[in-house]
Protein backbone atom coordinates (compact mmCIF):
# COMPACT_ATOMS: atom_id res chain seq x y z
CA MET A 1 -6.94 -0.22 -7.83
CA LEU A 2 -4.35 -0.43 -6.25
CA THR A 3 -4.96 -4.76 -5.94
CA TYR A 4 -5.12 -4.98 -9.63
CA VAL A 5 -2.98 -2.64 -11.00
CA LEU A 6 -0.49 -1.01 -8.65
CA LEU A 7 0.50 -4.09 -6.15
CA PRO A 8 1.08 -6.83 -9.01
CA PHE A 9 4.14 -3.99 -10.60
CA VAL A 10 5.37 -2.72 -7.63
CA ALA A 11 4.77 -5.38 -5.02
CA PRO A 12 8.25 -7.27 -6.76
CA PHE A 13 10.26 -4.30 -6.64
CA LEU A 14 9.49 -4.03 -3.20
CA GLY A 15 11.59 -7.56 -2.29
CA PHE A 16 14.37 -5.53 -3.15
CA ALA A 17 14.06 -2.79 -0.82
CA PRO A 18 15.12 -4.78 2.74
CA GLY A 19 11.70 -4.13 5.26
CA ILE A 20 10.14 -1.63 2.57
CA GLY A 21 7.19 -4.80 1.87
CA PRO A 22 6.15 -4.80 5.42
CA GLY A 23 6.06 -1.65 5.67
CA VAL A 24 3.72 -1.15 3.03
CA GLY A 25 2.06 -4.18 4.30
CA LEU A 26 1.39 -2.79 8.05
CA VAL A 27 -0.27 0.39 6.38
CA ILE A 28 -2.63 -1.24 3.71
CA GLY A 29 -3.91 -3.39 6.48
CA VAL A 30 -4.56 -0.21 8.84
CA ILE A 31 -6.44 1.35 5.89
CA ALA A 32 -8.07 -2.03 4.97
CA LEU A 33 -9.11 -2.43 8.62
CA ILE A 34 -10.92 1.12 9.29
CA ALA A 35 -12.31 0.02 5.61
CA ASN A 36 -13.88 -2.98 7.26
CA PHE A 37 -15.48 -1.03 10.20
CA PHE A 38 -16.36 2.03 8.23
CA SER A 39 -18.53 -1.61 6.13
CA ILE A 40 -19.58 -2.01 8.67
CA ARG A 41 -21.30 0.55 10.00
CA ARG A 42 -22.78 1.55 6.85
CA PHE A 43 -24.65 -1.95 6.82
CA TRP A 44 -26.15 -1.34 10.27
CA VAL A 45 -27.13 2.07 9.99
CA ALA A 46 -28.80 1.37 6.53
CA ASP A 47 -30.44 -1.48 8.50
CA HIS A 48 -30.06 -3.41 5.50
CA LYS A 49 -31.52 -7.00 5.52
CA TRP A 50 -28.01 -8.99 5.26
CA LYS A 51 -26.32 -6.53 8.34
CA TYR A 52 -25.67 -9.64 9.35
CA HIS A 53 -24.32 -11.90 7.19
CA VAL A 54 -21.77 -8.81 5.93
CA THR A 55 -20.94 -8.58 9.24
CA VAL A 56 -19.52 -12.31 10.18
CA LEU A 57 -17.58 -11.71 6.91
CA HIS A 58 -16.11 -8.50 7.53
CA ILE A 59 -15.24 -9.97 11.01
CA ALA A 60 -13.47 -12.89 9.26
CA VAL A 61 -11.81 -10.63 6.91
CA ILE A 62 -10.58 -8.64 10.42
CA GLY A 63 -9.30 -11.74 11.83
CA LEU A 64 -7.23 -12.66 8.77
CA LEU A 65 -6.10 -8.95 8.59
CA ILE A 66 -5.34 -8.89 11.36
CA ALA A 67 -3.13 -12.14 11.70
CA LEU A 68 -1.97 -10.39 8.03
CA LEU A 69 -0.26 -7.25 10.49
CA TYR A 70 0.73 -9.42 12.77
CA PHE A 71 3.74 -10.75 10.70
CA ASP A 72 3.96 -7.58 8.93
CA ILE A 73 4.86 -5.28 12.31
CA LYS A 74 6.84 -8.95 12.72
CA ALA A 75 8.89 -8.90 10.34
CA LEU A 76 9.57 -5.27 11.15
CA ILE A 77 10.91 -5.86 14.28
């Protein structure tokens, strides 16, 4: 819901307020990182047959999220 309903309509208005966009991005990025870690853990606890594939995918997403968090922090400073 956040990605497809709320953000497409709210994000353009965040551009009018300096510092708000990166702050929101920072919060969403941290929540996404936590969700990825819990998802990895869930696959490993369940001993899912695709746990290695999913872990690699999540690590790639975590890498991208860390890059986005870096740019958000840089924009806030």
